[in-house]
Amino acid sequence: MSKIAVVYYSTYGHVATLAHAVKEGAEKTGAHVDLYQIPETLPQEVLEKMHAPPKNADVPVASPATLLEYDGFLLGVPTRYGNFPAQWKSFFDASGQIWQTGGYHGKFAGIFVSTASQHGGQESTVLATVSTLTHHGISYVPLGYSKAFQQLTDINEISGGSAYGSSTIAGGDGSRQVSDQEKELGRIQGEQFAILLNKTKATPATEAAPVAEAAVAEATPVEATPEPTPAVVEPVVVPTVVEAVPEPASAVVEPTPELAPVVVEPVVEATPEPAPAVVEPVVVPVVEPTPVVATSAAELIAERTAGMKVVDVIPPIGEATVPVAAPAAVVVEPTPVVEVAPAAVVVEATPVVEATPVVVEATPVVVEAAPAAEPVVAEATPATVEATEEVKPATTEAAEPDVRSPKSPRRKTKSSGTAEGEKKKKCLIQ
C-alpha cells in the first residue's frame, strides 16, 4: 500500500478542518496516511493581534526532509492574494538541497485550499503552487469531475471546491466554517488520490514476477543434445541443352529520298505611311494699344479743351461788377457744346480744396455729365450777367484748385489781374 502525508498550514483552523476530511478519505483505501503541519513564521505577539487560535499540539511539524519518506502528499494551502502564503514559501525555499538531488522527483501531490470569498483564489492558488511542484518533478493530481460532479455543480448553496481540488470559503472575517459539502469534497479528493497511488505502487511488484521466473529458468541445467550426423549430398549432373539461335535476317535499309529544300520567304507587312498632320492656322487677335491716360492736371485740361473756342474772359477773382460769359454761350465746333452747371461745379469741387489727386478724377466727370445745348448768340445779355453774378461766389471758390497742379501749394488770388489769373479765367470757361 502507498504511504501518504497530509501537510497543511492554517491560521484560523479552516484548512486544518479540511485536512482531517482529506485524511479520512485517503484512509478508506487502506493507505498509510500521516497528518502534519508546517512551521509558523509569524511571531506570537502578531498572532495574538490577529486573534489567531493556538496551533494543535497533537499534529507534528514537518520539514522538507519529512516528505522524502512518502510516496505522495496532499498539501493544504490557504490563499494570500491568489497565491500561497509566506509560510509555504519559506517551507519550499528550505528544500534547495532536495531539489538539487531530485529527492521529490517522481512523487505525486494534490492541493486543497481555503479563501475568504468564492472568487478569492480558489483556482489561482493551486496554479501558483503547481509551479513549485513542477520544478521539483512532482506530478500534480487534480480532483476532476468524475467522482465529484454532483458536489461541484450544486448551486443551491455557497460552497467551495473546483476541478483543481477541494476547498472552503472562510468569509471576510473568518466566521464561516467548513460546510458538510466541502468536507465531502475533501474526502473524495483524499480517496481518489490514494487509489491512484495504490495503483502506481502495485505496478512494480506485478512486473517483478516474470523477471523472477526468467531467473529460475536460467538456473535450471539443460542436458546436452548430441550433434546430428552430417548428411552426404551427392552432386547431380544435369545436362544443359543449348539451342542454336538463328541469326536474324539482315535488315534492308532503303535510302530515304532527299527532300527538296523549302524556301521560306519572310512576310513583311507594309507599314502604312502616316497621314500628314493638318495644322490649322491660329488666328491671333490684334490687340490695340491701350491709350495712355494723362496723369497730370495740365495734360488732362489740355486734352479736354482741345477744339474749344473761348468766347469771353472771366474777370479776375474778387471783381463782381465784370460780366462773365455763361457756360451755355460756348459754341464748340465740331464737338458738341458742353455747359458747366453751376451746381455741379460746387459739389464736385469741394473735395479738391486740399489739392489731392482727386482733382484730376473730378474734372472729366463734370465735362462728360453736361448735356448738349443749342447754339446761343455769343454776346451776353443782361439776364446772363445776372445769372453769372448769382453763382459767382461758388465759382470763385471752386475754380482755384483746377488751375494748378495737384502738387503745387494753394495760394490766394489777389483781386488785381495777373498773368496767372488770366490763365485761370480761360480754363473756367470749359
Protein backbone atom coordinates (compact mmCIF):
# COMPACT_ATOMS: atom_id res chain seq x y z
CA MET A 1 0.00 0.00 0.00
CA SER A 2 1.03 3.61 -0.60
CA LYS A 3 2.29 5.97 2.06
CA ILE A 4 0.70 9.41 2.05
CA ALA A 5 1.40 12.60 4.04
CA VAL A 6 -1.30 15.27 4.51
CA VAL A 7 0.58 18.52 5.21
CA TYR A 8 -1.17 21.87 5.81
CA TYR A 9 -0.82 25.40 7.18
CA SER A 10 -3.82 27.01 8.92
CA THR A 11 -4.19 30.32 10.77
CA TYR A 12 -7.84 30.14 11.87
CA GLY A 13 -8.43 26.39 11.57
CA HIS A 14 -10.34 26.19 8.24
CA VAL A 15 -7.58 24.38 6.35
CA ALA A 16 -6.93 22.12 9.39
CA THR A 17 -10.59 21.01 9.40
CA LEU A 18 -10.48 20.27 5.67
CA ALA A 19 -7.17 18.36 6.15
CA HIS A 20 -8.83 15.92 8.55
CA ALA A 21 -11.56 15.22 5.95
CA VAL A 22 -8.92 14.59 3.27
CA LYS A 23 -7.04 12.22 5.58
CA GLU A 24 -10.25 10.35 6.33
CA GLY A 25 -10.95 9.78 2.64
CA ALA A 26 -7.42 8.53 1.91
CA GLU A 27 -7.51 6.05 4.79
CA LYS A 28 -10.63 4.40 3.31
CA THR A 29 -8.41 2.79 0.65
CA GLY A 30 -6.12 1.17 3.20
CA ALA A 31 -3.24 3.56 2.52
CA HIS A 32 -0.95 4.67 5.31
CA VAL A 33 -1.73 8.37 5.98
CA ASP A 34 0.04 10.77 8.37
CA LEU A 35 -1.05 14.32 9.27
CA TYR A 36 1.48 17.20 9.51
CA GLN A 37 1.58 20.97 9.74
CA ILE A 38 4.41 23.24 8.60
CA PRO A 39 6.30 25.71 10.84
CA GLU A 40 4.76 29.09 11.67
CA THR A 41 6.82 32.12 10.64
CA LEU A 42 4.83 34.87 12.40
CA PRO A 43 5.79 35.94 15.95
CA GLN A 44 3.42 35.03 18.77
CA GLU A 45 2.57 38.68 19.52
CA VAL A 46 1.48 39.18 15.89
CA LEU A 47 -0.72 36.09 16.02
CA GLU A 48 -2.34 37.40 19.19
CA LYS A 49 -3.14 40.71 17.49
CA MET A 50 -4.65 38.76 14.61
CA HIS A 51 -6.77 36.81 17.12
CA ALA A 52 -5.43 33.57 15.71
CA PRO A 53 -6.15 30.47 17.86
CA PRO A 54 -3.17 28.42 19.09
CA LYS A 55 -1.84 25.61 16.90
CA ASN A 56 -2.87 22.00 17.56
CA ALA A 57 -0.02 20.49 19.56
CA ASP A 58 -1.11 16.94 18.62
CA VAL A 59 -0.17 17.45 14.98
CA PRO A 60 3.61 17.19 14.42
CA VAL A 61 5.51 19.81 12.46
CA ALA A 62 7.05 18.60 9.19
CA SER A 63 10.24 19.70 7.50
CA PRO A 64 11.17 19.36 3.82
CA ALA A 65 13.07 16.17 4.65
CA THR A 66 9.91 14.61 6.14
CA LEU A 67 8.30 14.36 2.70
CA LEU A 68 11.10 12.13 1.41
CA GLU A 69 9.62 9.23 3.34
CA TYR A 70 6.27 9.28 1.45
CA ASP A 71 5.07 8.29 -2.00
CA GLY A 72 2.82 11.30 -2.27
CA PHE A 73 1.38 14.16 -0.21
CA LEU A 74 -1.75 16.31 -0.10
CA LEU A 75 -0.96 19.95 0.64
CA GLY A 76 -3.37 22.29 2.44
CA VAL A 77 -2.62 25.86 1.23
CA PRO A 78 -4.62 28.95 2.33
CA THR A 79 -4.62 31.78 -0.19
CA ARG A 80 -2.80 35.07 0.15
CA TYR A 81 -3.78 37.42 -2.69
CA GLY A 82 -4.42 34.49 -5.01
CA ASN A 83 -1.08 32.89 -4.14
CA PHE A 84 0.29 30.60 -1.43
CA PRO A 85 1.29 32.27 1.87
CA ALA A 86 4.78 33.10 3.14
CA GLN A 87 4.80 30.03 5.41
CA TRP A 88 4.60 27.67 2.43
CA LYS A 89 7.10 29.81 0.51
CA SER A 90 9.56 29.52 3.39
CA PHE A 91 8.98 25.76 3.58
CA PHE A 92 9.81 25.17 -0.09
CA ASP A 93 12.71 27.64 0.00
CA ALA A 94 14.33 25.33 2.55
CA SER A 95 14.19 22.37 0.11
CA GLY A 96 17.00 23.59 -2.13
CA GLN A 97 19.29 20.65 -1.41
CA ILE A 98 16.47 18.17 -2.08
CA TRP A 99 15.78 19.95 -5.37
CA GLN A 100 19.45 19.59 -6.39
CA THR A 101 19.48 15.85 -5.69
CA GLY A 102 15.99 15.25 -7.15
CA GLY A 103 14.65 13.85 -3.86
CA TYR A 104 10.99 14.69 -4.74
CA HIS A 105 11.24 13.60 -8.36
CA GLY A 106 8.59 11.05 -9.33
CA LYS A 107 6.35 11.70 -6.33
CA PHE A 108 2.68 12.80 -6.51
CA ALA A 109 0.85 15.69 -4.88
CA GLY A 110 -2.68 17.10 -4.62
CA ILE A 111 -3.73 20.53 -3.29
CA PHE A 112 -6.72 21.78 -1.26
CA VAL A 113 -7.20 25.47 -0.39
CA SER A 114 -9.19 28.00 1.63
CA THR A 115 -10.22 31.52 0.54
CA ALA A 116 -12.25 34.38 2.00
CA SER A 117 -14.65 34.60 -0.98
CA GLN A 118 -15.87 32.45 -3.83
CA HIS A 119 -13.52 34.11 -6.32
CA GLY A 120 -10.67 34.95 -3.98
CA GLY A 121 -8.19 32.42 -5.39
CA GLN A 122 -9.92 29.02 -5.42
CA GLU A 123 -8.05 28.09 -8.59
CA SER A 124 -5.18 30.58 -8.85
CA THR A 125 -3.73 29.44 -5.51
CA VAL A 126 -3.48 25.90 -6.87
CA LEU A 127 -1.88 27.09 -10.11
CA ALA A 128 0.69 29.12 -8.18
CA THR A 129 1.64 26.08 -6.11
CA VAL A 130 1.91 23.84 -9.17
CA SER A 131 4.84 25.96 -10.35
CA THR A 132 6.91 24.84 -7.34
CA LEU A 133 5.84 21.23 -7.78
CA THR A 134 6.94 21.33 -11.41
CA HIS A 135 10.47 22.44 -10.50
CA HIS A 136 10.77 19.51 -8.09
CA GLY A 137 9.46 17.00 -10.64
CA ILE A 138 6.34 16.26 -8.57
CA SER A 139 3.29 15.11 -10.56
CA TYR A 140 0.18 17.15 -9.75
CA VAL A 141 -3.06 15.17 -9.35
CA PRO A 142 -6.26 17.28 -9.72
CA LEU A 143 -9.67 16.37 -8.32
CA GLY A 144 -11.54 16.48 -11.63
CA TYR A 145 -15.29 15.98 -12.13
CA SER A 146 -15.51 12.21 -12.49
CA LYS A 147 -16.25 11.42 -8.80
CA ALA A 148 -17.39 14.88 -7.60
CA PHE A 149 -19.69 16.11 -10.38
CA GLN A 150 -22.76 16.46 -8.14
CA GLN A 151 -20.92 18.47 -5.45
CA LEU A 152 -19.06 20.72 -7.89
CA THR A 153 -22.18 21.60 -9.93
CA ASP A 154 -24.53 22.17 -6.98
CA ILE A 155 -25.64 25.81 -6.90
CA ASN A 156 -28.23 25.51 -4.14
CA GLU A 157 -25.70 26.70 -1.59
CA ILE A 158 -22.47 28.64 -1.45
CA SER A 159 -19.69 26.11 -1.47
CA GLY A 160 -16.01 25.88 -2.28
CA GLY A 161 -14.37 23.31 -4.48
CA SER A 162 -13.27 23.09 -8.11
CA ALA A 163 -11.77 20.62 -10.53
CA TYR A 164 -8.35 21.66 -9.22
CA GLY A 165 -9.10 20.36 -5.72
CA SER A 166 -11.38 20.64 -2.70
CA SER A 167 -11.61 23.99 -0.92
CA THR A 168 -13.59 26.01 1.61
CA ILE A 169 -14.80 29.61 1.97
CA ALA A 170 -13.93 31.28 5.29
CA GLY A 171 -15.63 34.65 4.77
CA GLY A 172 -14.10 38.08 5.14
CA ASP A 173 -13.84 37.85 8.94
CA GLY A 174 -13.21 34.09 9.11
CA SER A 175 -16.54 33.40 10.80
CA ARG A 176 -17.79 30.90 8.23
CA GLN A 177 -16.81 27.30 8.96
CA VAL A 178 -16.26 24.37 6.63
CA SER A 179 -19.61 23.04 5.38
CA ASP A 180 -20.60 19.37 5.10
CA GLN A 181 -20.46 19.50 1.31
CA GLU A 182 -16.94 20.93 1.42
CA LYS A 183 -15.88 18.16 3.81
CA GLU A 184 -17.36 15.60 1.42
CA LEU A 185 -15.29 17.05 -1.40
CA GLY A 186 -12.20 16.70 0.82
CA ARG A 187 -12.95 13.04 1.48
CA ILE A 188 -13.49 12.37 -2.23
CA GLN A 189 -10.19 14.03 -3.10
CA GLY A 190 -8.26 12.05 -0.44
CA GLU A 191 -9.82 8.77 -1.55
CA GLN A 192 -9.18 9.27 -5.28
CA PHE A 193 -5.63 10.40 -4.62
CA ALA A 194 -4.90 7.28 -2.54
CA ILE A 195 -6.44 4.98 -5.17
CA LEU A 196 -4.13 6.42 -7.81
CA LEU A 197 -1.05 5.99 -5.60
CA ASN A 198 -2.01 2.41 -4.72
CA LYS A 199 -2.14 1.57 -8.41
CA THR A 200 1.29 3.04 -9.09
CA LYS A 201 2.68 1.29 -6.00
CA ALA A 202 1.40 -2.13 -7.16
CA THR A 203 2.73 -1.83 -10.72
CA PRO A 204 6.43 -2.62 -9.95
CA ALA A 205 5.50 -5.80 -7.93
CA THR A 206 3.47 -7.18 -10.83
CA GLU A 207 6.35 -6.69 -13.22
CA ALA A 208 8.81 -8.44 -10.90
CA ALA A 209 7.12 -11.90 -11.26
CA PRO A 210 8.15 -12.55 -14.88
CA VAL A 211 11.65 -11.41 -14.06
CA ALA A 212 11.92 -13.95 -11.22
CA GLU A 213 10.62 -16.75 -13.43
CA ALA A 214 13.20 -15.88 -16.04
CA ALA A 215 15.93 -16.04 -13.41
CA VAL A 216 14.81 -19.55 -12.32
CA ALA A 217 14.74 -20.72 -15.91
CA GLU A 218 18.29 -19.60 -16.39
CA ALA A 219 19.43 -21.57 -13.29
CA THR A 220 17.91 -24.94 -14.46
CA PRO A 221 20.59 -27.21 -16.06
CA VAL A 222 19.99 -28.07 -19.68
CA GLU A 223 21.02 -31.58 -20.97
CA ALA A 224 23.44 -31.62 -23.88
CA THR A 225 21.85 -32.62 -27.14
CA PRO A 226 24.03 -34.89 -29.40
CA GLU A 227 25.13 -33.23 -32.57
CA PRO A 228 23.39 -34.63 -35.69
CA THR A 229 25.35 -36.63 -38.29
CA PRO A 230 26.15 -34.52 -41.29
CA ALA A 231 24.24 -35.63 -44.38
CA VAL A 232 26.19 -36.56 -47.52
CA VAL A 233 24.77 -34.94 -50.61
CA GLU A 234 25.88 -36.37 -53.97
CA PRO A 235 26.16 -33.91 -56.81
CA VAL A 236 23.57 -34.33 -59.57
CA VAL A 237 24.73 -33.62 -63.10
CA VAL A 238 22.05 -32.01 -65.19
CA PRO A 239 22.81 -31.89 -68.92
CA THR A 240 22.44 -28.46 -70.34
CA VAL A 241 20.84 -28.27 -73.78
CA VAL A 242 21.70 -25.16 -75.69
CA GLU A 243 19.56 -24.46 -78.72
CA ALA A 244 21.11 -22.56 -81.58
CA VAL A 245 19.54 -19.28 -82.04
CA PRO A 246 19.12 -18.42 -85.74
CA GLU A 247 20.78 -15.31 -86.87
CA PRO A 248 18.38 -12.56 -87.64
CA ALA A 249 17.88 -11.66 -91.23
CA SER A 250 19.85 -8.70 -92.34
CA ALA A 251 17.71 -5.68 -92.47
CA VAL A 252 17.47 -3.93 -95.81
CA VAL A 253 17.70 -0.25 -95.37
CA GLU A 254 16.21 1.66 -98.23
CA PRO A 255 17.71 5.02 -98.88
CA THR A 256 15.47 7.85 -97.89
CA PRO A 257 14.81 10.24 -100.74
CA GLU A 258 16.21 13.65 -100.17
CA LEU A 259 13.65 16.27 -99.54
CA ALA A 260 13.66 19.40 -101.57
CA PRO A 261 14.69 22.39 -99.55
CA VAL A 262 11.82 24.55 -98.58
CA VAL A 263 12.42 28.19 -99.07
CA VAL A 264 10.52 30.29 -96.61
CA GLU A 265 10.18 33.85 -97.71
CA PRO A 266 9.77 36.32 -94.92
CA VAL A 267 6.46 38.06 -94.96
CA VAL A 268 6.93 41.74 -94.48
CA GLU A 269 3.81 43.71 -93.84
CA ALA A 270 3.82 47.14 -95.40
CA THR A 271 3.65 49.80 -92.82
CA PRO A 272 1.20 52.48 -93.89
CA GLU A 273 2.67 55.90 -94.14
CA PRO A 274 1.31 58.24 -91.54
CA ALA A 275 -1.11 60.81 -92.83
CA PRO A 276 0.32 64.31 -92.85
CA ALA A 277 -0.81 66.33 -89.93
CA VAL A 278 -3.02 69.22 -90.87
CA VAL A 279 -2.12 72.26 -88.89
CA GLU A 280 -4.89 74.78 -88.76
CA PRO A 281 -3.75 78.37 -88.70
CA VAL A 282 -4.14 80.02 -85.39
CA VAL A 283 -5.75 83.41 -85.56
CA VAL A 284 -4.07 85.71 -83.15
CA PRO A 285 -6.27 88.66 -82.31
CA VAL A 286 -4.70 92.02 -82.78
CA VAL A 287 -4.63 93.85 -79.55
CA GLU A 288 -4.86 97.56 -79.96
CA PRO A 289 -2.61 99.50 -77.68
CA THR A 290 -4.32 100.94 -74.70
CA PRO A 291 -4.34 104.71 -74.84
CA VAL A 292 -2.25 106.32 -72.25
CA VAL A 293 -4.30 108.27 -69.77
CA ALA A 294 -2.91 111.60 -68.76
CA THR A 295 -1.71 111.61 -65.24
CA SER A 296 -1.19 115.31 -64.64
CA ALA A 297 -3.82 118.01 -64.35
CA ALA A 298 -2.22 120.15 -67.05
CA GLU A 299 -2.33 117.35 -69.63
CA LEU A 300 -5.91 116.50 -68.73
CA ILE A 301 -7.02 120.13 -69.08
CA ALA A 302 -5.25 120.45 -72.44
CA GLU A 303 -6.96 117.28 -73.68
CA ARG A 304 -10.41 118.42 -72.65
CA THR A 305 -10.09 121.99 -74.05
CA ALA A 306 -8.76 120.93 -77.45
CA GLY A 307 -11.01 122.25 -80.23
CA MET A 308 -12.90 124.68 -78.00
CA LYS A 309 -13.14 128.42 -78.52
CA VAL A 310 -13.08 130.95 -75.76
CA VAL A 311 -15.95 133.42 -76.13
CA ASP A 312 -15.20 135.71 -73.24
CA VAL A 313 -12.87 136.06 -70.36
CA ILE A 314 -13.93 135.86 -66.79
CA PRO A 315 -12.76 138.88 -64.88
CA PRO A 316 -10.25 138.48 -62.09
CA ILE A 317 -11.49 136.90 -58.95
CA GLY A 318 -12.87 139.33 -56.44
CA GLU A 319 -14.39 141.79 -59.02
CA ALA A 320 -18.11 141.19 -59.01
CA THR A 321 -19.00 144.04 -61.44
CA VAL A 322 -17.32 142.50 -64.52
CA PRO A 323 -19.77 140.43 -66.57
CA VAL A 324 -18.78 136.81 -67.18
CA ALA A 325 -19.97 134.82 -70.13
CA ALA A 326 -22.29 131.96 -69.21
CA PRO A 327 -21.06 128.45 -69.98
CA ALA A 328 -24.13 127.93 -72.15
CA ALA A 329 -22.88 130.55 -74.64
CA VAL A 330 -19.91 128.42 -75.69
CA VAL A 331 -20.05 127.20 -79.28
CA VAL A 332 -17.98 124.10 -79.91
CA GLU A 333 -17.02 123.10 -83.40
CA PRO A 334 -17.07 120.31 -84.40
CA THR A 335 -17.75 118.70 -80.97
CA PRO A 336 -20.97 119.34 -79.07
CA VAL A 337 -21.11 122.25 -76.68
CA VAL A 338 -20.69 121.32 -73.04
CA GLU A 339 -22.33 123.51 -70.48
CA VAL A 340 -20.94 123.51 -66.97
CA ALA A 341 -23.79 123.62 -64.49
CA PRO A 342 -23.06 125.92 -61.55
CA ALA A 343 -24.49 123.38 -59.05
CA ALA A 344 -22.23 120.63 -60.36
CA VAL A 345 -19.19 122.81 -60.03
CA VAL A 346 -19.93 123.48 -56.36
CA VAL A 347 -20.48 119.83 -55.42
CA GLU A 348 -17.58 118.23 -57.30
CA ALA A 349 -15.03 120.94 -56.50
CA THR A 350 -15.49 120.92 -52.72
CA PRO A 351 -13.23 117.87 -52.03
CA VAL A 352 -10.44 119.39 -54.15
CA VAL A 353 -9.59 122.07 -51.59
CA GLU A 354 -6.51 120.17 -50.34
CA ALA A 355 -5.04 119.76 -53.84
CA THR A 356 -5.03 115.93 -53.91
CA PRO A 357 -5.08 113.62 -56.97
CA VAL A 358 -8.89 113.59 -56.63
CA VAL A 359 -8.94 116.91 -58.55
CA VAL A 360 -7.75 115.07 -61.67
CA GLU A 361 -10.51 112.49 -61.46
CA ALA A 362 -13.25 115.04 -60.68
CA THR A 363 -12.59 117.23 -63.74
CA PRO A 364 -13.59 114.70 -66.52
CA VAL A 365 -16.78 113.75 -64.67
CA VAL A 366 -18.03 117.32 -64.82
CA VAL A 367 -17.26 117.63 -68.53
CA GLU A 368 -18.90 114.35 -69.62
CA ALA A 369 -22.00 114.75 -67.49
CA ALA A 370 -23.00 118.09 -69.04
CA PRO A 371 -25.85 117.81 -71.59
CA ALA A 372 -25.58 119.25 -75.09
CA ALA A 373 -27.01 122.74 -75.56
CA GLU A 374 -28.34 124.58 -78.54
CA PRO A 375 -26.17 127.27 -80.11
CA VAL A 376 -26.60 130.63 -78.48
CA VAL A 377 -25.53 134.12 -79.51
CA ALA A 378 -22.07 134.83 -78.28
CA GLU A 379 -22.97 138.20 -76.87
CA ALA A 380 -24.06 138.13 -73.26
CA THR A 381 -27.37 139.61 -72.28
CA PRO A 382 -28.26 141.28 -69.02
CA ALA A 383 -30.06 138.16 -67.89
CA THR A 384 -26.92 136.20 -68.46
CA VAL A 385 -24.91 138.63 -66.46
CA GLU A 386 -27.28 138.40 -63.55
CA ALA A 387 -27.19 134.65 -63.54
CA THR A 388 -23.46 134.73 -63.56
CA GLU A 389 -23.35 137.10 -60.66
CA GLU A 390 -25.56 134.85 -58.59
CA VAL A 391 -23.26 131.83 -58.90
CA LYS A 392 -20.05 133.88 -58.80
CA PRO A 393 -19.21 133.17 -55.15
CA ALA A 394 -19.31 129.43 -55.73
CA THR A 395 -17.32 129.77 -58.96
CA THR A 396 -14.70 131.92 -57.29
CA GLU A 397 -14.09 129.42 -54.52
CA ALA A 398 -14.23 126.25 -56.64
CA ALA A 399 -12.29 127.39 -59.68
CA GLU A 400 -8.97 127.97 -57.99
CA PRO A 401 -7.90 124.26 -57.44
CA ASP A 402 -8.49 123.20 -61.07
CA VAL A 403 -5.80 125.51 -62.48
CA ARG A 404 -2.78 124.43 -60.52
CA SER A 405 -1.00 121.12 -60.44
CA PRO A 406 -2.09 118.78 -57.60
CA LYS A 407 1.33 119.04 -56.05
CA SER A 408 1.58 122.87 -56.02
CA PRO A 409 0.60 124.68 -52.81
CA ARG A 410 -2.59 126.65 -52.75
CA ARG A 411 -2.30 130.41 -52.81
CA LYS A 412 -5.00 133.00 -52.65
CA THR A 413 -5.53 135.03 -55.82
CA LYS A 414 -5.38 138.74 -55.44
CA SER A 415 -8.08 140.96 -56.80
CA SER A 416 -5.68 142.64 -59.25
CA GLY A 417 -5.39 140.83 -62.54
CA THR A 418 -2.18 138.91 -63.18
CA ALA A 419 -0.95 136.59 -65.83
CA GLU A 420 -1.80 133.56 -63.71
CA GLY A 421 -5.33 134.83 -63.12
CA GLU A 422 -5.85 135.26 -66.84
CA LYS A 423 -4.97 131.61 -67.46
CA LYS A 424 -7.44 130.51 -64.84
CA LYS A 425 -10.18 132.55 -66.43
CA LYS A 426 -9.74 130.77 -69.73
CA CYS A 427 -9.78 127.33 -68.08
CA LEU A 428 -13.04 128.03 -66.23
CA ILE A 429 -14.89 128.58 -69.45
CA GLN A 430 -14.77 124.85 -70.09
